[in-house]
Amino acid sequence: MAQVERVEPPVRQARYPGVRLQVLSAVESLADREHQERVWVRRELPHPDEVVPLRRLGEVFGLLVDELGDEPDEVYLADPRWEEVVNRSAEALAVMRANESTLPMDLSDS
């Protein structure tokens, strides 16, 4: 009798759904040589007006990551500084979304 291959059931709920988007973004960067030259080597950003809001976000979020490290998500969300991370993220996102139409590639399906 032929050996039957065991098929695993489909995943019903991703444990870390945001990780797939992060991996997708990283793979897109690795697949685009022009992007690598422009962003990694020449340090050019698509829109200079994105720098300030991203730095502001990095100031508060970086501090939390440095202090909380590998703590569970619940610890981050309970930290009183998390609200500022949310606010600064929203500011950076608004600027980045406003610039989407002028990006050299269509990121709307990512």
N, C-alpha and C. Protein backbone atom coordinates (compact mmCIF):
# COMPACT_ATOMS: atom_id res chain seq x y z
N MET A 1 0.84 -1.17 0.00
CA MET A 1 0.00 0.00 0.00
C MET A 1 0.90 1.25 0.00
N ALA A 2 0.54 2.24 -0.76
CA ALA A 2 1.33 3.47 -0.86
C ALA A 2 1.24 4.27 0.44
N GLN A 3 2.35 4.92 0.74
CA GLN A 3 2.38 5.73 1.96
C GLN A 3 1.60 7.02 1.73
N VAL A 4 0.77 7.38 2.67
CA VAL A 4 -0.05 8.58 2.57
C VAL A 4 0.65 9.71 3.30
N GLU A 5 0.74 10.84 2.63
CA GLU A 5 1.36 12.03 3.24
C GLU A 5 0.36 12.70 4.16
N ARG A 6 0.81 13.02 5.36
CA ARG A 6 -0.06 13.69 6.33
C ARG A 6 -0.14 15.17 5.98
N VAL A 7 -1.34 15.68 5.91
CA VAL A 7 -1.56 17.10 5.60
C VAL A 7 -2.03 17.79 6.87
N GLU A 8 -1.32 18.85 7.24
CA GLU A 8 -1.68 19.61 8.43
C GLU A 8 -2.93 20.45 8.15
N PRO A 9 -3.77 20.65 9.16
CA PRO A 9 -4.95 21.50 8.95
C PRO A 9 -4.51 22.94 8.72
N PRO A 10 -5.34 23.71 8.02
CA PRO A 10 -4.97 25.11 7.77
C PRO A 10 -4.89 25.90 9.08
N VAL A 11 -4.05 26.91 9.09
CA VAL A 11 -3.93 27.78 10.26
C VAL A 11 -5.18 28.62 10.35
N ARG A 12 -5.81 28.60 11.49
CA ARG A 12 -7.05 29.36 11.66
C ARG A 12 -6.79 30.80 12.10
N GLN A 13 -5.78 30.99 12.92
CA GLN A 13 -5.48 32.33 13.41
C GLN A 13 -3.97 32.47 13.54
N ALA A 14 -3.44 33.51 12.91
CA ALA A 14 -2.00 33.75 13.00
C ALA A 14 -1.67 34.22 14.41
N ARG A 15 -0.58 33.69 14.94
CA ARG A 15 -0.18 34.08 16.29
C ARG A 15 0.35 35.51 16.30
N TYR A 16 1.11 35.87 15.28
CA TYR A 16 1.67 37.22 15.15
C TYR A 16 1.36 37.74 13.74
N PRO A 17 0.13 38.22 13.51
CA PRO A 17 -0.27 38.61 12.15
C PRO A 17 0.58 39.73 11.55
N GLY A 18 1.09 40.63 12.36
CA GLY A 18 1.89 41.73 11.83
C GLY A 18 3.25 41.30 11.33
N VAL A 19 3.73 40.17 11.78
CA VAL A 19 5.06 39.70 11.39
C VAL A 19 5.11 39.42 9.90
N ARG A 20 4.04 38.88 9.33
CA ARG A 20 4.04 38.59 7.89
C ARG A 20 4.25 39.86 7.08
N LEU A 21 3.61 40.94 7.49
CA LEU A 21 3.80 42.21 6.78
C LEU A 21 5.23 42.71 6.90
N GLN A 22 5.85 42.51 8.05
CA GLN A 22 7.24 42.90 8.23
C GLN A 22 8.16 42.07 7.35
N VAL A 23 7.90 40.79 7.27
CA VAL A 23 8.70 39.91 6.42
C VAL A 23 8.50 40.29 4.96
N LEU A 24 7.26 40.56 4.56
CA LEU A 24 6.97 40.97 3.19
C LEU A 24 7.74 42.23 2.83
N SER A 25 7.74 43.20 3.73
CA SER A 25 8.47 44.44 3.48
C SER A 25 9.96 44.18 3.34
N ALA A 26 10.51 43.35 4.19
CA ALA A 26 11.94 43.03 4.11
C ALA A 26 12.28 42.32 2.81
N VAL A 27 11.44 41.38 2.40
CA VAL A 27 11.69 40.65 1.16
C VAL A 27 11.58 41.58 -0.05
N GLU A 28 10.62 42.50 -0.01
CA GLU A 28 10.51 43.49 -1.09
C GLU A 28 11.79 44.30 -1.21
N SER A 29 12.34 44.71 -0.08
CA SER A 29 13.60 45.47 -0.09
C SER A 29 14.74 44.64 -0.65
N LEU A 30 14.80 43.37 -0.28
CA LEU A 30 15.85 42.49 -0.76
C LEU A 30 15.72 42.18 -2.25
N ALA A 31 14.50 42.28 -2.78
CA ALA A 31 14.26 41.97 -4.19
C ALA A 31 14.43 43.18 -5.10
N ASP A 32 14.72 44.34 -4.55
CA ASP A 32 14.77 45.57 -5.34
C ASP A 32 16.15 46.22 -5.22
N ARG A 33 17.00 45.97 -6.20
CA ARG A 33 18.38 46.48 -6.17
C ARG A 33 18.42 48.02 -6.17
N GLU A 34 17.54 48.65 -6.95
CA GLU A 34 17.52 50.11 -7.00
C GLU A 34 17.18 50.68 -5.63
N HIS A 35 16.24 50.07 -4.96
CA HIS A 35 15.88 50.49 -3.60
C HIS A 35 17.08 50.37 -2.67
N GLN A 36 17.80 49.27 -2.76
CA GLN A 36 18.96 49.05 -1.91
C GLN A 36 20.01 50.13 -2.12
N GLU A 37 20.30 50.44 -3.37
CA GLU A 37 21.29 51.49 -3.68
C GLU A 37 20.83 52.85 -3.15
N ARG A 38 19.55 53.17 -3.40
CA ARG A 38 19.02 54.48 -3.04
C ARG A 38 18.90 54.64 -1.52
N VAL A 39 18.33 53.65 -0.85
CA VAL A 39 18.02 53.79 0.57
C VAL A 39 19.16 53.31 1.46
N TRP A 40 19.73 52.15 1.17
CA TRP A 40 20.76 51.58 2.04
C TRP A 40 22.10 52.26 1.84
N VAL A 41 22.48 52.52 0.59
CA VAL A 41 23.82 53.05 0.30
C VAL A 41 23.83 54.58 0.35
N ARG A 42 22.93 55.20 -0.44
CA ARG A 42 22.93 56.67 -0.50
C ARG A 42 22.09 57.30 0.60
N ARG A 43 21.37 56.48 1.36
CA ARG A 43 20.54 56.95 2.48
C ARG A 43 19.49 57.98 2.05
N GLU A 44 18.97 57.81 0.85
CA GLU A 44 17.92 58.71 0.34
C GLU A 44 16.57 58.17 0.77
N LEU A 45 15.74 59.03 1.26
CA LEU A 45 14.38 58.65 1.61
C LEU A 45 13.45 59.15 0.52
N PRO A 46 12.33 58.48 0.31
CA PRO A 46 11.41 58.94 -0.73
C PRO A 46 10.94 60.38 -0.51
N HIS A 47 10.74 60.76 0.73
CA HIS A 47 10.23 62.10 1.04
C HIS A 47 10.92 62.65 2.28
N PRO A 48 11.67 63.71 2.13
CA PRO A 48 12.37 64.29 3.29
C PRO A 48 11.43 64.72 4.42
N ASP A 49 10.18 65.06 4.09
CA ASP A 49 9.26 65.50 5.15
C ASP A 49 8.82 64.35 6.07
N GLU A 50 9.22 63.12 5.75
CA GLU A 50 8.91 61.99 6.61
C GLU A 50 9.94 61.82 7.74
N VAL A 51 11.08 62.45 7.60
CA VAL A 51 12.18 62.24 8.55
C VAL A 51 11.81 62.71 9.96
N VAL A 52 11.30 63.92 10.08
CA VAL A 52 11.01 64.48 11.41
C VAL A 52 9.95 63.66 12.16
N PRO A 53 8.80 63.33 11.54
CA PRO A 53 7.84 62.54 12.31
C PRO A 53 8.35 61.14 12.66
N LEU A 54 9.17 60.54 11.79
CA LEU A 54 9.72 59.23 12.12
C LEU A 54 10.75 59.33 13.23
N ARG A 55 11.53 60.39 13.26
CA ARG A 55 12.48 60.57 14.36
C ARG A 55 11.74 60.80 15.68
N ARG A 56 10.67 61.58 15.63
CA ARG A 56 9.88 61.82 16.84
C ARG A 56 9.30 60.51 17.37
N LEU A 57 8.82 59.68 16.47
CA LEU A 57 8.32 58.37 16.87
C LEU A 57 9.44 57.53 17.46
N GLY A 58 10.58 57.53 16.81
CA GLY A 58 11.71 56.75 17.29
C GLY A 58 12.18 57.16 18.67
N GLU A 59 12.07 58.44 18.98
CA GLU A 59 12.49 58.92 20.30
C GLU A 59 11.71 58.23 21.42
N VAL A 60 10.40 58.19 21.30
CA VAL A 60 9.58 57.62 22.37
C VAL A 60 9.53 56.10 22.28
N PHE A 61 9.40 55.56 21.06
CA PHE A 61 9.31 54.11 20.92
C PHE A 61 10.65 53.43 21.22
N GLY A 62 11.73 54.03 20.78
CA GLY A 62 13.05 53.47 21.06
C GLY A 62 13.33 53.40 22.54
N LEU A 63 12.93 54.42 23.27
CA LEU A 63 13.12 54.43 24.72
C LEU A 63 12.34 53.29 25.38
N LEU A 64 11.10 53.10 24.94
CA LEU A 64 10.30 52.00 25.49
C LEU A 64 10.94 50.64 25.20
N VAL A 65 11.38 50.44 23.97
CA VAL A 65 12.00 49.16 23.61
C VAL A 65 13.28 48.95 24.43
N ASP A 66 14.06 50.01 24.59
CA ASP A 66 15.28 49.89 25.40
C ASP A 66 14.96 49.50 26.84
N GLU A 67 13.91 50.09 27.40
CA GLU A 67 13.57 49.83 28.80
C GLU A 67 12.79 48.53 29.01
N LEU A 68 11.87 48.23 28.09
CA LEU A 68 10.99 47.07 28.30
C LEU A 68 11.49 45.81 27.60
N GLY A 69 12.29 45.96 26.58
CA GLY A 69 12.87 44.81 25.90
C GLY A 69 11.86 43.80 25.42
N ASP A 70 12.02 42.55 25.85
CA ASP A 70 11.19 41.44 25.38
C ASP A 70 9.95 41.21 26.23
N GLU A 71 9.53 42.21 26.95
CA GLU A 71 8.31 42.07 27.75
C GLU A 71 7.12 41.78 26.82
N PRO A 72 6.10 41.14 27.33
CA PRO A 72 4.92 40.85 26.50
C PRO A 72 4.23 42.14 26.03
N ASP A 73 3.48 42.02 24.95
CA ASP A 73 2.77 43.18 24.40
C ASP A 73 1.92 43.89 25.43
N GLU A 74 1.33 43.12 26.34
CA GLU A 74 0.46 43.72 27.35
C GLU A 74 1.20 44.74 28.21
N VAL A 75 2.49 44.49 28.45
CA VAL A 75 3.29 45.41 29.25
C VAL A 75 3.49 46.72 28.50
N TYR A 76 3.77 46.62 27.20
CA TYR A 76 3.91 47.83 26.38
C TYR A 76 2.62 48.64 26.37
N LEU A 77 1.50 47.94 26.13
CA LEU A 77 0.22 48.64 26.05
C LEU A 77 -0.20 49.26 27.37
N ALA A 78 0.23 48.69 28.48
CA ALA A 78 -0.13 49.23 29.80
C ALA A 78 0.77 50.38 30.22
N ASP A 79 1.90 50.54 29.56
CA ASP A 79 2.82 51.62 29.92
C ASP A 79 2.17 52.97 29.59
N PRO A 80 2.22 53.93 30.50
CA PRO A 80 1.58 55.22 30.25
C PRO A 80 2.16 55.97 29.05
N ARG A 81 3.36 55.63 28.65
CA ARG A 81 3.97 56.29 27.49
C ARG A 81 3.47 55.73 26.16
N TRP A 82 2.75 54.62 26.21
CA TRP A 82 2.29 54.00 24.96
C TRP A 82 1.37 54.94 24.17
N GLU A 83 0.57 55.72 24.86
CA GLU A 83 -0.33 56.66 24.16
C GLU A 83 0.46 57.62 23.27
N GLU A 84 1.63 58.04 23.73
CA GLU A 84 2.47 58.92 22.91
C GLU A 84 3.03 58.18 21.70
N VAL A 85 3.33 56.90 21.85
CA VAL A 85 3.75 56.09 20.70
C VAL A 85 2.63 56.05 19.66
N VAL A 86 1.40 55.84 20.12
CA VAL A 86 0.25 55.81 19.22
C VAL A 86 0.09 57.16 18.52
N ASN A 87 0.17 58.24 19.26
CA ASN A 87 0.00 59.58 18.68
C ASN A 87 1.08 59.89 17.64
N ARG A 88 2.33 59.62 17.99
CA ARG A 88 3.42 59.91 17.07
C ARG A 88 3.40 58.97 15.86
N SER A 89 2.95 57.76 16.06
CA SER A 89 2.79 56.84 14.93
C SER A 89 1.73 57.37 13.96
N ALA A 90 0.64 57.88 14.50
CA ALA A 90 -0.42 58.42 13.67
C ALA A 90 0.08 59.63 12.87
N GLU A 91 0.89 60.47 13.50
CA GLU A 91 1.46 61.62 12.79
C GLU A 91 2.36 61.16 11.64
N ALA A 92 3.24 60.22 11.91
CA ALA A 92 4.15 59.72 10.88
C ALA A 92 3.37 59.03 9.77
N LEU A 93 2.37 58.26 10.13
CA LEU A 93 1.57 57.56 9.15
C LEU A 93 0.83 58.54 8.23
N ALA A 94 0.31 59.61 8.80
CA ALA A 94 -0.40 60.61 7.99
C ALA A 94 0.53 61.22 6.93
N VAL A 95 1.75 61.55 7.32
CA VAL A 95 2.71 62.11 6.37
C VAL A 95 3.08 61.08 5.31
N MET A 96 3.33 59.85 5.74
CA MET A 96 3.70 58.80 4.79
C MET A 96 2.57 58.49 3.81
N ARG A 97 1.35 58.44 4.30
CA ARG A 97 0.20 58.18 3.41
C ARG A 97 0.00 59.32 2.43
N ALA A 98 0.22 60.54 2.88
CA ALA A 98 0.09 61.69 1.98
C ALA A 98 1.10 61.62 0.84
N ASN A 99 2.23 60.96 1.08
CA ASN A 99 3.27 60.85 0.07
C ASN A 99 3.17 59.60 -0.80
N GLU A 100 2.25 58.70 -0.49
CA GLU A 100 2.17 57.43 -1.21
C GLU A 100 2.03 57.58 -2.71
N SER A 101 1.25 58.55 -3.14
CA SER A 101 0.99 58.68 -4.58
C SER A 101 2.23 59.07 -5.38
N THR A 102 3.27 59.53 -4.71
CA THR A 102 4.47 59.93 -5.43
C THR A 102 5.62 58.95 -5.27
N LEU A 103 5.36 57.80 -4.63
CA LEU A 103 6.40 56.78 -4.48
C LEU A 103 6.73 56.18 -5.83
N PRO A 104 7.98 55.73 -6.01
CA PRO A 104 8.36 55.16 -7.29
C PRO A 104 7.70 53.82 -7.59
N MET A 105 7.14 53.15 -6.58
CA MET A 105 6.44 51.88 -6.82
C MET A 105 5.13 51.87 -6.06
N ASP A 106 4.18 51.09 -6.52
CA ASP A 106 2.88 51.02 -5.89
C ASP A 106 2.95 50.11 -4.68
N LEU A 107 2.74 50.67 -3.49
CA LEU A 107 2.79 49.90 -2.25
C LEU A 107 1.39 49.60 -1.72
N SER A 108 0.36 49.97 -2.46
CA SER A 108 -0.99 49.85 -1.95
C SER A 108 -1.44 48.41 -1.73
N ASP A 109 -0.82 47.44 -2.42
CA ASP A 109 -1.19 46.04 -2.26
C ASP A 109 -0.39 45.34 -1.18
N SER A 110 0.56 46.01 -0.55
CA SER A 110 1.43 45.37 0.45
C SER A 110 0.70 45.14 1.74
